[in-house]
PDB file of N, CA and C in Angstrom:
ATOM      1  N   UNK A   1      30.269  30.827   2.902  1.00  0.00           N
ATOM      2  CA  UNK A   1      29.304  31.088   4.110  1.00  0.00           C
ATOM      3  C   UNK A   1      29.439  32.546   5.150  1.00  0.00           C
ATOM      4  N   UNK A   2      30.728  32.417   5.146  1.00  0.00           N
ATOM      5  CA  UNK A   2      30.586  33.373   5.915  1.00  0.00           C
ATOM      6  C   UNK A   2      30.145  34.867   5.734  1.00  0.00           C
ATOM      7  N   UNK A   3      30.886  35.026   4.972  1.00  0.00           N
ATOM      8  CA  UNK A   3      30.309  36.267   3.558  1.00  0.00           C
ATOM      9  C   UNK A   3      29.140  36.444   3.235  1.00  0.00           C
ATOM     10  N   UNK A   4      28.229  35.047   3.139  1.00  0.00           N
ATOM     11  CA  UNK A   4      26.902  35.261   3.251  1.00  0.00           C
ATOM     12  C   UNK A   4      26.031  35.565   4.865  1.00  0.00           C
ATOM     13  N   UNK A   5      26.525  35.309   5.905  1.00  0.00           N
ATOM     14  CA  UNK A   5      26.414  35.590   7.183  1.00  0.00           C
ATOM     15  C   UNK A   5      26.760  37.143   7.305  1.00  0.00           C
ATOM     16  N   UNK A   6      27.793  37.303   7.198  1.00  0.00           N
ATOM     17  CA  UNK A   6      27.955  39.044   6.849  1.00  0.00           C
ATOM     18  C   UNK A   6      26.595  40.201   6.282  1.00  0.00           C
ATOM     19  N   UNK A   7      26.469  39.325   5.825  1.00  0.00           N
ATOM     20  CA  UNK A   7      25.468  39.759   5.175  1.00  0.00           C
ATOM     21  C   UNK A   7      23.882  39.910   5.383  1.00  0.00           C
ATOM     22  N   UNK A   8      23.934  38.655   6.055  1.00  0.00           N
ATOM     23  CA  UNK A   8      22.515  38.703   6.539  1.00  0.00           C
ATOM     24  C   UNK A   8      22.839  39.706   7.961  1.00  0.00           C
ATOM     25  N   UNK A   9      23.941  40.581   8.003  1.00  0.00           N
ATOM     26  CA  UNK A   9      23.769  40.470  10.131  1.00  0.00           C
ATOM     27  C   UNK A   9      24.022  42.202   9.147  1.00  0.00           C
ATOM     28  N   UNK A  10      24.628  42.511   8.122  1.00  0.00           N
ATOM     29  CA  UNK A  10      24.075  44.070   7.793  1.00  0.00           C
ATOM     30  C   UNK A  10      22.439  44.032   7.068  1.00  0.00           C
ATOM     31  N   UNK A  11      22.064  43.334   6.623  1.00  0.00           N
ATOM     32  CA  UNK A  11      20.718  43.759   6.379  1.00  0.00           C
ATOM     33  C   UNK A  11      19.814  43.450   7.115  1.00  0.00           C
ATOM     34  N   UNK A  12      19.655  42.823   8.277  1.00  0.00           N
ATOM     35  CA  UNK A  12      19.398  42.525   9.070  1.00  0.00           C
ATOM     36  C   UNK A  12      18.417  43.751   9.860  1.00  0.00           C
ATOM     37  N   UNK A  13      18.869  44.666  10.234  1.00  0.00           N
ATOM     38  CA  UNK A  13      19.052  45.536  10.597  1.00  0.00           C
ATOM     39  C   UNK A  13      18.172  46.565   9.432  1.00  0.00           C
ATOM     40  N   UNK A  14      18.329  47.590   8.670  1.00  0.00           N
ATOM     41  CA  UNK A  14      17.261  47.837   8.112  1.00  0.00           C
ATOM     42  C   UNK A  14      16.105  47.196   7.585  1.00  0.00           C
ATOM     43  N   UNK A  15      15.674  46.157   7.025  1.00  0.00           N
ATOM     44  CA  UNK A  15      14.421  45.413   7.210  1.00  0.00           C
ATOM     45  C   UNK A  15      14.056  44.706   8.554  1.00  0.00           C
ATOM     46  N   UNK A  16      14.528  45.098   9.788  1.00  0.00           N
ATOM     47  CA  UNK A  16      14.191  44.620  10.811  1.00  0.00           C
ATOM     48  C   UNK A  16      13.082  46.128  10.927  1.00  0.00           C
ATOM     49  N   UNK A  17      13.354  47.511  10.744  1.00  0.00           N
ATOM     50  CA  UNK A  17      13.435  48.545  11.029  1.00  0.00           C
ATOM     51  C   UNK A  17      12.158  49.038   9.813  1.00  0.00           C
ATOM     52  N   UNK A  18      12.391  48.352   8.498  1.00  0.00           N
ATOM     53  CA  UNK A  18      11.476  49.219   7.761  1.00  0.00           C
ATOM     54  C   UNK A  18      10.116  47.718   7.724  1.00  0.00           C
ATOM     55  N   UNK A  19      10.127  46.322   8.843  1.00  0.00           N
ATOM     56  CA  UNK A  19       9.273  45.885   8.690  1.00  0.00           C
ATOM     57  C   UNK A  19       8.542  46.786  10.238  1.00  0.00           C
ATOM     58  N   UNK A  20       8.838  47.170  10.744  1.00  0.00           N
ATOM     59  CA  UNK A  20       8.417  47.971  12.131  1.00  0.00           C
ATOM     60  C   UNK A  20       7.540  48.985  11.533  1.00  0.00           C
ATOM     61  N   UNK A  21       8.296  49.543  10.655  1.00  0.00           N
ATOM     62  CA  UNK A  21       7.471  50.953  10.432  1.00  0.00           C
ATOM     63  C   UNK A  21       6.581  50.460   9.207  1.00  0.00           C
ATOM     64  N   UNK A  22       6.186  49.523   8.667  1.00  0.00           N
ATOM     65  CA  UNK A  22       5.438  48.755   8.022  1.00  0.00           C
ATOM     66  C   UNK A  22       4.148  48.812   9.328  1.00  0.00           C
ATOM     67  N   UNK A  23       4.343  48.056   9.905  1.00  0.00           N
ATOM     68  CA  UNK A  23       3.324  47.142  10.637  1.00  0.00           C
ATOM     69  C   UNK A  23       2.995  48.460  12.043  1.00  0.00           C
ATOM     70  N   UNK A  24       3.896  49.842  12.110  1.00  0.00           N
ATOM     71  CA  UNK A  24       3.010  50.620  12.608  1.00  0.00           C
ATOM     72  C   UNK A  24       1.774  51.773  12.012  1.00  0.00           C
ATOM     73  N   UNK A  25       2.272  52.034  10.484  1.00  0.00           N
ATOM     74  CA  UNK A  25       2.254  52.631   9.592  1.00  0.00           C
ATOM     75  C   UNK A  25       0.112  51.207   9.530  1.00  0.00           C
ATOM     76  N   UNK A  26       0.345  50.853   9.344  1.00  0.00           N
ATOM     77  CA  UNK A  26      -1.128  49.445   9.684  1.00  0.00           C
ATOM     78  C   UNK A  26      -1.630  49.523  10.330  1.00  0.00           C
ATOM     79  N   UNK A  27      -0.925  50.219  11.116  1.00  0.00           N
ATOM     80  CA  UNK A  27      -1.876  49.795  13.103  1.00  0.00           C
ATOM     81  C   UNK A  27      -2.577  51.439  13.196  1.00  0.00           C
ATOM     82  N   UNK A  28      -2.249  52.424  12.111  1.00  0.00           N
ATOM     83  CA  UNK A  28      -2.623  54.059  12.574  1.00  0.00           C
ATOM     84  C   UNK A  28      -3.856  54.408  11.105  1.00  0.00           C
ATOM     85  N   UNK A  29      -5.045  54.226  11.328  1.00  0.00           N
ATOM     86  CA  UNK A  29      -6.056  54.368  10.321  1.00  0.00           C
ATOM     87  C   UNK A  29      -6.825  55.232  10.677  1.00  0.00           C
ATOM     88  N   UNK A  30      -7.519  55.606   9.919  1.00  0.00           N
ATOM     89  CA  UNK A  30      -8.184  57.051   9.897  1.00  0.00           C
ATOM     90  C   UNK A  30      -9.337  57.275  11.200  1.00  0.00           C
ATOM     91  N   UNK A  31      -9.973  57.825  11.452  1.00  0.00           N
ATOM     92  CA  UNK A  31     -11.142  57.700  12.141  1.00  0.00           C
ATOM     93  C   UNK A  31     -12.397  57.897  11.131  1.00  0.00           C
ATOM     94  N   UNK A  32     -13.298  56.501  11.644  1.00  0.00           N
ATOM     95  CA  UNK A  32     -14.531  57.288  11.234  1.00  0.00           C
ATOM     96  C   UNK A  32     -15.381  57.849  11.355  1.00  0.00           C
ATOM     97  N   UNK A  33     -16.131  58.113  10.798  1.00  0.00           N
ATOM     98  CA  UNK A  33     -17.251  59.222  11.080  1.00  0.00           C
ATOM     99  C   UNK A  33     -18.369  58.394  12.243  1.00  0.00           C
ATOM    100  N   UNK A  34     -18.168  57.587  12.618  1.00  0.00           N
ATOM    101  CA  UNK A  34     -18.806  57.077  13.811  1.00  0.00           C
ATOM    102  C   UNK A  34     -18.036  56.690  14.912  1.00  0.00           C
ATOM    103  N   UNK A  35     -17.091  56.559  14.507  1.00  0.00           N
ATOM    104  CA  UNK A  35     -15.709  57.006  15.580  1.00  0.00           C
ATOM    105  C   UNK A  35     -15.945  58.180  16.420  1.00  0.00           C
ATOM    106  N   UNK A  36     -16.257  59.308  15.233  1.00  0.00           N
ATOM    107  CA  UNK A  36     -15.957  60.909  15.242  1.00  0.00           C
ATOM    108  C   UNK A  36     -17.325  61.762  17.169  1.00  0.00           C
ATOM    109  N   UNK A  37     -18.726  60.733  16.184  1.00  0.00           N
ATOM    110  CA  UNK A  37     -20.539  60.516  16.370  1.00  0.00           C
ATOM    111  C   UNK A  37     -19.814  59.867  18.321  1.00  0.00           C
ATOM    112  N   UNK A  38     -19.083  58.696  17.954  1.00  0.00           N
ATOM    113  CA  UNK A  38     -18.910  58.380  19.573  1.00  0.00           C
ATOM    114  C   UNK A  38     -18.619  59.428  20.434  1.00  0.00           C
ATOM    115  N   UNK A  39     -17.343  59.389  19.621  1.00  0.00           N
ATOM    116  CA  UNK A  39     -16.128  60.993  20.409  1.00  0.00           C
ATOM    117  C   UNK A  39     -16.914  61.875  21.108  1.00  0.00           C
ATOM    118  N   UNK A  40     -18.301  62.490  20.282  1.00  0.00           N
ATOM    119  CA  UNK A  40     -18.468  63.438  20.380  1.00  0.00           C
ATOM    120  C   UNK A  40     -19.665  63.368  21.751  1.00  0.00           C
ATOM    121  N   UNK A  41     -20.118  62.345  21.461  1.00  0.00           N
ATOM    122  CA  UNK A  41     -21.376  62.106  22.270  1.00  0.00           C
ATOM    123  C   UNK A  41     -20.232  61.088  23.802  1.00  0.00           C
ATOM    124  N   UNK A  42     -19.636  61.478  23.915  1.00  0.00           N
ATOM    125  CA  UNK A  42     -19.061  61.091  24.956  1.00  0.00           C
ATOM    126  C   UNK A  42     -18.632  62.501  25.736  1.00  0.00           C
ATOM    127  N   UNK A  43     -17.735  63.094  24.167  1.00  0.00           N
ATOM    128  CA  UNK A  43     -17.581  64.604  25.366  1.00  0.00           C
ATOM    129  C   UNK A  43     -19.299  65.609  25.959  1.00  0.00           C
ATOM    130  N   UNK A  44     -19.657  64.750  25.196  1.00  0.00           N
ATOM    131  CA  UNK A  44     -20.696  65.779  25.889  1.00  0.00           C
ATOM    132  C   UNK A  44     -21.809  65.505  26.949  1.00  0.00           C
ATOM    133  N   UNK A  45     -21.638  64.108  26.745  1.00  0.00           N
ATOM    134  CA  UNK A  45     -21.948  63.990  28.277  1.00  0.00           C
ATOM    135  C   UNK A  45     -21.132  64.083  29.513  1.00  0.00           C
ATOM    136  N   UNK A  46     -19.944  63.974  29.427  1.00  0.00           N
ATOM    137  CA  UNK A  46     -18.210  63.879  30.007  1.00  0.00           C
ATOM    138  C   UNK A  46     -18.749  65.247  30.868  1.00  0.00           C
ATOM    139  N   UNK A  47     -18.860  66.130  29.711  1.00  0.00           N
ATOM    140  CA  UNK A  47     -19.108  67.567  29.908  1.00  0.00           C
ATOM    141  C   UNK A  47     -20.673  68.272  31.327  1.00  0.00           C
ATOM    142  N   UNK A  48     -21.586  67.810  30.659  1.00  0.00           N
ATOM    143  CA  UNK A  48     -22.626  67.606  31.619  1.00  0.00           C
ATOM    144  C   UNK A  48     -22.621  67.044  33.185  1.00  0.00           C
ATOM    145  N   UNK A  49     -21.489  65.866  32.581  1.00  0.00           N
ATOM    146  CA  UNK A  49     -21.321  65.543  34.659  1.00  0.00           C
ATOM    147  C   UNK A  49     -21.180  66.678  35.213  1.00  0.00           C
ATOM    148  N   UNK A  50     -19.670  67.297  34.471  1.00  0.00           N
ATOM    149  CA  UNK A  50     -18.934  68.648  35.038  1.00  0.00           C
ATOM    150  C   UNK A  50     -20.279  69.192  35.599  1.00  0.00           C
ATOM    151  N   UNK A  51     -20.532  69.851  34.916  1.00  0.00           N
ATOM    152  CA  UNK A  51     -21.633  70.500  35.218  1.00  0.00           C
ATOM    153  C   UNK A  51     -22.255  70.196  36.391  1.00  0.00           C
ATOM    154  N   UNK A  52     -22.864  68.907  36.361  1.00  0.00           N
ATOM    155  CA  UNK A  52     -23.416  68.323  37.703  1.00  0.00           C
ATOM    156  C   UNK A  52     -22.536  68.539  38.823  1.00  0.00           C
ATOM    157  N   UNK A  53     -21.681  67.839  38.789  1.00  0.00           N
ATOM    158  CA  UNK A  53     -20.588  67.895  39.586  1.00  0.00           C
ATOM    159  C   UNK A  53     -20.273  69.537  40.643  1.00  0.00           C
ATOM    160  N   UNK A  54     -20.087  70.398  39.630  1.00  0.00           N
ATOM    161  CA  UNK A  54     -20.095  71.813  40.203  1.00  0.00           C
ATOM    162  C   UNK A  54     -21.034  72.267  40.571  1.00  0.00           C
ATOM    163  N   UNK A  55     -22.390  72.017  40.085  1.00  0.00           N
ATOM    164  CA  UNK A  55     -23.714  72.588  40.599  1.00  0.00           C
ATOM    165  C   UNK A  55     -23.173  71.787  41.759  1.00  0.00           C
ATOM    166  N   UNK A  56     -22.870  70.404  42.171  1.00  0.00           N
ATOM    167  CA  UNK A  56     -23.659  69.703  43.435  1.00  0.00           C
ATOM    168  C   UNK A  56     -22.540  70.144  44.255  1.00  0.00           C
ATOM    169  N   UNK A  57     -20.965  70.704  44.311  1.00  0.00           N
ATOM    170  CA  UNK A  57     -20.499  70.983  44.971  1.00  0.00           C
ATOM    171  C   UNK A  57     -20.402  72.856  45.851  1.00  0.00           C
ATOM    172  N   UNK A  58     -21.110  73.337  44.165  1.00  0.00           N
ATOM    173  CA  UNK A  58     -21.973  74.438  45.052  1.00  0.00           C
ATOM    174  C   UNK A  58     -22.675  74.523  46.456  1.00  0.00           C
ATOM    175  N   UNK A  59     -23.784  73.418  46.035  1.00  0.00           N
ATOM    176  CA  UNK A  59     -24.859  73.547  46.897  1.00  0.00           C
ATOM    177  C   UNK A  59     -24.459  73.173  48.268  1.00  0.00           C
ATOM    178  N   UNK A  60     -23.241  71.958  48.452  1.00  0.00           N
ATOM    179  CA  UNK A  60     -22.554  71.316  49.903  1.00  0.00           C
ATOM    180  C   UNK A  60     -21.620  71.918  50.352  1.00  0.00           C
ATOM    181  N   UNK A  61     -21.706  73.320  49.785  1.00  0.00           N
ATOM    182  CA  UNK A  61     -19.714  73.947  50.173  1.00  0.00           C
ATOM    183  C   UNK A  61     -20.806  74.362  51.573  1.00  0.00           C
ATOM    184  N   UNK A  62     -19.452  74.580  52.891  1.00  0.00           N
ATOM    185  CA  UNK A  62     -20.014  74.905  53.467  1.00  0.00           C
ATOM    186  C   UNK A  62     -19.465  76.792  53.733  1.00  0.00           C
ATOM    187  N   UNK A  63     -20.426  78.069  54.506  1.00  0.00           N
ATOM    188  CA  UNK A  63     -20.476  78.883  54.381  1.00  0.00           C
ATOM    189  C   UNK A  63     -18.905  79.197  54.591  1.00  0.00           C
ATOM    190  N   UNK A  64     -17.766  80.004  53.778  1.00  0.00           N
ATOM    191  CA  UNK A  64     -16.946  80.655  54.448  1.00  0.00           C
ATOM    192  C   UNK A  64     -16.642  81.293  56.081  1.00  0.00           C
ATOM    193  N   UNK A  65     -16.010  80.737  56.933  1.00  0.00           N
ATOM    194  CA  UNK A  65     -15.843  81.489  57.721  1.00  0.00           C
ATOM    195  C   UNK A  65     -14.850  83.138  57.850  1.00  0.00           C
ATOM    196  N   UNK A  66     -15.582  83.774  58.748  1.00  0.00           N
ATOM    197  CA  UNK A  66     -15.019  84.766  58.481  1.00  0.00           C
ATOM    198  C   UNK A  66     -12.847  85.338  58.740  1.00  0.00           C
ATOM    199  N   UNK A  67     -12.171  85.861  58.185  1.00  0.00           N
ATOM    200  CA  UNK A  67     -11.127  85.937  58.356  1.00  0.00           C
ATOM    201  C   UNK A  67     -10.647  87.061  59.136  1.00  0.00           C
ATOM    202  N   UNK A  68      -9.992  86.132  59.895  1.00  0.00           N
ATOM    203  CA  UNK A  68      -9.807  87.565  60.655  1.00  0.00           C
ATOM    204  C   UNK A  68      -7.890  88.259  60.308  1.00  0.00           C
ATOM    205  N   UNK A  69      -8.012  89.302  60.472  1.00  0.00           N
ATOM    206  CA  UNK A  69      -6.421  90.360  60.532  1.00  0.00           C
ATOM    207  C   UNK A  69      -5.570  89.507  60.893  1.00  0.00           C
ATOM    208  N   UNK A  70      -6.176  89.610  62.411  1.00  0.00           N
ATOM    209  CA  UNK A  70      -4.533  89.039  63.209  1.00  0.00           C
ATOM    210  C   UNK A  70      -4.137  87.862  63.480  1.00  0.00           C
ATOM    211  N   UNK A  71      -2.617  87.218  64.029  1.00  0.00           N
ATOM    212  CA  UNK A  71      -2.570  85.739  63.528  1.00  0.00           C
ATOM    213  C   UNK A  71      -3.261  84.837  64.619  1.00  0.00           C
ATOM    214  N   UNK A  72      -3.621  84.075  65.018  1.00  0.00           N
ATOM    215  CA  UNK A  72      -4.579  83.025  65.172  1.00  0.00           C
ATOM    216  C   UNK A  72      -2.765  83.496  66.679  1.00  0.00           C
ATOM    217  N   UNK A  73      -3.317  83.309  67.670  1.00  0.00           N
ATOM    218  CA  UNK A  73      -2.543  82.916  68.744  1.00  0.00           C
ATOM    219  C   UNK A  73      -2.621  81.584  69.748  1.00  0.00           C
ATOM    220  N   UNK A  74      -1.403  81.415  69.768  1.00  0.00           N
ATOM    221  CA  UNK A  74      -0.937  79.156  70.164  1.00  0.00           C
ATOM    222  C   UNK A  74      -0.394  79.574  71.798  1.00  0.00           C
TER     223      UNK A  74
END
């Protein structure tokens, strides 16, 4: 009986590692064409949003004040 427990303890680590690797491999799938199209649509929408936000920022930017070369007196 104790010999079988030693064998079980020795096999527990490699078997557990193999099971975890198998489960991780099952979870990683190749993206389908529909996923790729959806990602491209999302990227296009995000890029358009960036352009809109940059234009809005430029429109609302206040004119820069002139910079004095002398330090301000305190």
